[in-house]
Amino acid sequence: METFIYGGTKIWIHLSLLYTFCIKQCFVPAHFMDINIIPVIKNKGGDKTDINNYRAIAVSNADTKILEKLILTKVNCYIY
């Protein structure tokens, strides 16, 4: 994530080109779909062996999150 924060305008230009290509060609690179699902305990004082005491958190790549945020801002204008 630090690369995207401190990379400057050149990284944003390259990302813009990549995302534009993805949208125009209806193609998403395979690594955009890679996520890690991490179980998190809901109630730390509860029974840790109970499956209902956990919830799943999906952690994805930083470039995927940026693309999701861009799409969300465009879709929100049609929802509200």
N, C-alpha and C. Protein backbone atom coordinates (compact mmCIF):
# COMPACT_ATOMS: atom_id res chain seq x y z
N MET A 1 0.82 -1.19 0.00
CA MET A 1 0.00 0.00 0.00
C MET A 1 0.86 1.25 0.00
N GLU A 2 2.05 1.17 0.62
CA GLU A 2 2.93 2.34 0.66
C GLU A 2 3.37 2.76 -0.73
N THR A 3 3.48 1.81 -1.65
CA THR A 3 3.84 2.13 -3.02
C THR A 3 2.80 3.05 -3.64
N PHE A 4 1.54 2.78 -3.39
CA PHE A 4 0.47 3.60 -3.95
C PHE A 4 0.40 4.97 -3.27
N ILE A 5 0.74 5.01 -2.01
CA ILE A 5 0.68 6.28 -1.27
C ILE A 5 1.83 7.20 -1.65
N TYR A 6 3.05 6.64 -1.68
CA TYR A 6 4.24 7.46 -1.88
C TYR A 6 4.81 7.34 -3.30
N GLY A 7 4.16 6.64 -4.19
CA GLY A 7 4.68 6.40 -5.53
C GLY A 7 4.65 7.60 -6.45
N GLY A 8 3.87 8.58 -6.14
CA GLY A 8 3.80 9.78 -6.96
C GLY A 8 2.80 9.62 -8.11
N THR A 9 2.85 10.57 -9.01
CA THR A 9 1.87 10.60 -10.10
C THR A 9 2.10 9.52 -11.14
N LYS A 10 3.34 9.06 -11.30
CA LYS A 10 3.60 8.03 -12.31
C LYS A 10 2.86 6.73 -12.00
N ILE A 11 2.82 6.35 -10.74
CA ILE A 11 2.11 5.11 -10.38
C ILE A 11 0.62 5.26 -10.63
N TRP A 12 0.09 6.47 -10.41
CA TRP A 12 -1.34 6.69 -10.63
C TRP A 12 -1.68 6.68 -12.12
N ILE A 13 -0.76 7.17 -12.94
CA ILE A 13 -0.98 7.11 -14.39
C ILE A 13 -1.02 5.67 -14.86
N HIS A 14 -0.09 4.86 -14.38
CA HIS A 14 -0.05 3.44 -14.76
C HIS A 14 -1.29 2.69 -14.25
N LEU A 15 -1.69 3.00 -13.04
CA LEU A 15 -2.91 2.38 -12.51
C LEU A 15 -4.13 2.80 -13.30
N SER A 16 -4.18 4.05 -13.68
CA SER A 16 -5.30 4.54 -14.48
C SER A 16 -5.37 3.81 -15.82
N LEU A 17 -4.23 3.62 -16.45
CA LEU A 17 -4.19 2.89 -17.71
C LEU A 17 -4.62 1.43 -17.52
N LEU A 18 -4.15 0.81 -16.45
CA LEU A 18 -4.53 -0.58 -16.17
C LEU A 18 -6.02 -0.71 -15.93
N TYR A 19 -6.58 0.16 -15.09
CA TYR A 19 -8.01 0.08 -14.78
C TYR A 19 -8.87 0.40 -15.99
N THR A 20 -8.43 1.36 -16.80
CA THR A 20 -9.17 1.68 -18.03
C THR A 20 -9.18 0.48 -18.97
N PHE A 21 -8.04 -0.17 -19.10
CA PHE A 21 -7.96 -1.37 -19.94
C PHE A 21 -8.89 -2.46 -19.41
N CYS A 22 -8.85 -2.67 -18.09
CA CYS A 22 -9.70 -3.71 -17.49
C CYS A 22 -11.18 -3.46 -17.76
N ILE A 23 -11.60 -2.22 -17.63
CA ILE A 23 -13.01 -1.89 -17.82
C ILE A 23 -13.41 -1.98 -19.29
N LYS A 24 -12.57 -1.43 -20.18
CA LYS A 24 -12.90 -1.46 -21.61
C LYS A 24 -12.87 -2.86 -22.20
N GLN A 25 -11.96 -3.70 -21.74
CA GLN A 25 -11.83 -5.05 -22.29
C GLN A 25 -12.64 -6.09 -21.50
N CYS A 26 -13.30 -5.65 -20.43
CA CYS A 26 -14.05 -6.58 -19.56
C CYS A 26 -13.16 -7.72 -19.08
N PHE A 27 -11.98 -7.36 -18.65
CA PHE A 27 -10.99 -8.34 -18.20
C PHE A 27 -10.40 -7.88 -16.89
N VAL A 28 -10.29 -8.83 -15.96
CA VAL A 28 -9.66 -8.55 -14.68
C VAL A 28 -8.54 -9.57 -14.49
N PRO A 29 -7.31 -9.12 -14.18
CA PRO A 29 -6.22 -10.06 -13.97
C PRO A 29 -6.54 -11.05 -12.84
N ALA A 30 -5.99 -12.24 -12.96
CA ALA A 30 -6.29 -13.31 -12.00
C ALA A 30 -5.89 -12.94 -10.58
N HIS A 31 -4.80 -12.20 -10.42
CA HIS A 31 -4.37 -11.87 -9.06
C HIS A 31 -5.31 -10.88 -8.38
N PHE A 32 -6.19 -10.22 -9.14
CA PHE A 32 -7.18 -9.35 -8.53
C PHE A 32 -8.20 -10.16 -7.72
N MET A 33 -8.35 -11.42 -8.06
CA MET A 33 -9.33 -12.27 -7.39
C MET A 33 -8.76 -13.03 -6.20
N ASP A 34 -7.47 -12.88 -5.94
CA ASP A 34 -6.84 -13.56 -4.81
C ASP A 34 -7.20 -12.84 -3.51
N ILE A 35 -7.79 -13.59 -2.59
CA ILE A 35 -8.11 -13.04 -1.27
C ILE A 35 -7.71 -14.05 -0.21
N ASN A 36 -7.51 -13.58 0.98
CA ASN A 36 -7.29 -14.42 2.14
C ASN A 36 -8.47 -14.23 3.07
N ILE A 37 -9.08 -15.32 3.48
CA ILE A 37 -10.19 -15.26 4.43
C ILE A 37 -9.66 -15.61 5.80
N ILE A 38 -9.82 -14.68 6.72
CA ILE A 38 -9.29 -14.83 8.07
C ILE A 38 -10.45 -14.90 9.05
N PRO A 39 -10.52 -15.96 9.86
CA PRO A 39 -11.58 -16.02 10.88
C PRO A 39 -11.23 -15.13 12.08
N VAL A 40 -12.21 -14.36 12.52
CA VAL A 40 -12.03 -13.47 13.67
C VAL A 40 -13.06 -13.85 14.71
N ILE A 41 -12.63 -13.92 15.96
CA ILE A 41 -13.52 -14.29 17.06
C ILE A 41 -14.45 -13.12 17.37
N LYS A 42 -15.75 -13.39 17.45
CA LYS A 42 -16.73 -12.35 17.79
C LYS A 42 -16.66 -12.01 19.27
N ASN A 43 -16.76 -13.04 20.10
CA ASN A 43 -16.78 -12.86 21.55
C ASN A 43 -15.55 -13.55 22.13
N LYS A 44 -14.56 -12.77 22.55
CA LYS A 44 -13.31 -13.35 23.04
C LYS A 44 -13.48 -14.13 24.33
N GLY A 45 -14.51 -13.82 25.08
CA GLY A 45 -14.77 -14.54 26.31
C GLY A 45 -15.61 -15.79 26.08
N GLY A 46 -16.12 -15.95 24.88
CA GLY A 46 -16.99 -17.08 24.55
C GLY A 46 -16.21 -18.35 24.22
N ASP A 47 -16.95 -19.34 23.77
CA ASP A 47 -16.39 -20.65 23.44
C ASP A 47 -15.66 -20.56 22.10
N LYS A 48 -14.34 -20.80 22.13
CA LYS A 48 -13.54 -20.70 20.92
C LYS A 48 -13.71 -21.91 20.01
N THR A 49 -14.35 -22.96 20.49
CA THR A 49 -14.59 -24.13 19.65
C THR A 49 -15.92 -24.04 18.92
N ASP A 50 -16.75 -23.06 19.29
CA ASP A 50 -18.05 -22.88 18.64
C ASP A 50 -17.88 -22.14 17.32
N ILE A 51 -18.34 -22.73 16.24
CA ILE A 51 -18.18 -22.13 14.91
C ILE A 51 -18.99 -20.84 14.76
N ASN A 52 -20.06 -20.68 15.51
CA ASN A 52 -20.89 -19.47 15.45
C ASN A 52 -20.25 -18.28 16.14
N ASN A 53 -19.12 -18.51 16.83
CA ASN A 53 -18.41 -17.44 17.53
C ASN A 53 -17.37 -16.77 16.62
N TYR A 54 -17.38 -17.12 15.34
CA TYR A 54 -16.42 -16.56 14.40
C TYR A 54 -17.12 -15.83 13.27
N ARG A 55 -16.44 -14.84 12.71
CA ARG A 55 -16.91 -14.20 11.49
C ARG A 55 -15.72 -14.13 10.54
N ALA A 56 -15.99 -14.08 9.24
CA ALA A 56 -14.92 -14.11 8.25
C ALA A 56 -14.59 -12.70 7.78
N ILE A 57 -13.31 -12.44 7.64
CA ILE A 57 -12.81 -11.19 7.10
C ILE A 57 -12.05 -11.54 5.82
N ALA A 58 -12.39 -10.90 4.71
CA ALA A 58 -11.70 -11.13 3.45
C ALA A 58 -10.68 -10.01 3.24
N VAL A 59 -9.43 -10.38 3.07
CA VAL A 59 -8.35 -9.42 2.84
C VAL A 59 -7.89 -9.57 1.41
N SER A 60 -7.96 -8.48 0.64
CA SER A 60 -7.56 -8.54 -0.77
C SER A 60 -6.36 -7.63 -1.02
N ASN A 61 -5.88 -7.64 -2.24
CA ASN A 61 -4.73 -6.82 -2.63
C ASN A 61 -5.09 -5.34 -2.60
N ALA A 62 -4.06 -4.51 -2.47
CA ALA A 62 -4.28 -3.06 -2.44
C ALA A 62 -4.80 -2.54 -3.77
N ASP A 63 -4.26 -3.05 -4.88
CA ASP A 63 -4.73 -2.57 -6.19
C ASP A 63 -6.17 -2.98 -6.45
N THR A 64 -6.58 -4.11 -5.91
CA THR A 64 -7.97 -4.54 -6.03
C THR A 64 -8.88 -3.61 -5.23
N LYS A 65 -8.45 -3.26 -4.04
CA LYS A 65 -9.25 -2.36 -3.21
C LYS A 65 -9.42 -0.99 -3.85
N ILE A 66 -8.38 -0.50 -4.51
CA ILE A 66 -8.47 0.79 -5.19
C ILE A 66 -9.49 0.71 -6.32
N LEU A 67 -9.43 -0.37 -7.11
CA LEU A 67 -10.40 -0.55 -8.19
C LEU A 67 -11.82 -0.66 -7.65
N GLU A 68 -12.00 -1.40 -6.56
CA GLU A 68 -13.33 -1.52 -5.95
C GLU A 68 -13.85 -0.15 -5.51
N LYS A 69 -12.99 0.66 -4.93
CA LYS A 69 -13.38 1.99 -4.46
C LYS A 69 -13.78 2.89 -5.63
N LEU A 70 -13.03 2.80 -6.74
CA LEU A 70 -13.38 3.59 -7.92
C LEU A 70 -14.73 3.18 -8.49
N ILE A 71 -14.96 1.89 -8.58
CA ILE A 71 -16.23 1.40 -9.10
C ILE A 71 -17.38 1.79 -8.17
N LEU A 72 -17.15 1.68 -6.87
CA LEU A 72 -18.18 2.03 -5.90
C LEU A 72 -18.60 3.49 -6.01
N THR A 73 -17.65 4.39 -6.21
CA THR A 73 -18.01 5.80 -6.33
C THR A 73 -18.83 6.05 -7.58
N LYS A 74 -18.56 5.32 -8.66
CA LYS A 74 -19.34 5.48 -9.89
C LYS A 74 -20.73 4.87 -9.76
N VAL A 75 -20.86 3.76 -9.06
CA VAL A 75 -22.14 3.08 -8.91
C VAL A 75 -23.04 3.82 -7.92
N ASN A 76 -22.44 4.42 -6.90
CA ASN A 76 -23.24 5.13 -5.89
C ASN A 76 -24.04 6.29 -6.47
N CYS A 77 -23.56 6.92 -7.52
CA CYS A 77 -24.31 8.04 -8.09
C CYS A 77 -25.59 7.55 -8.75
N TYR A 78 -25.68 6.28 -9.11
CA TYR A 78 -26.90 5.74 -9.69
C TYR A 78 -27.83 5.14 -8.65
N ILE A 79 -27.30 4.82 -7.49
CA ILE A 79 -28.11 4.21 -6.43
C ILE A 79 -28.92 5.27 -5.68
N TYR A 80 -28.28 6.39 -5.38
CA TYR A 80 -28.93 7.42 -4.53
C TYR A 80 -29.58 8.47 -5.32
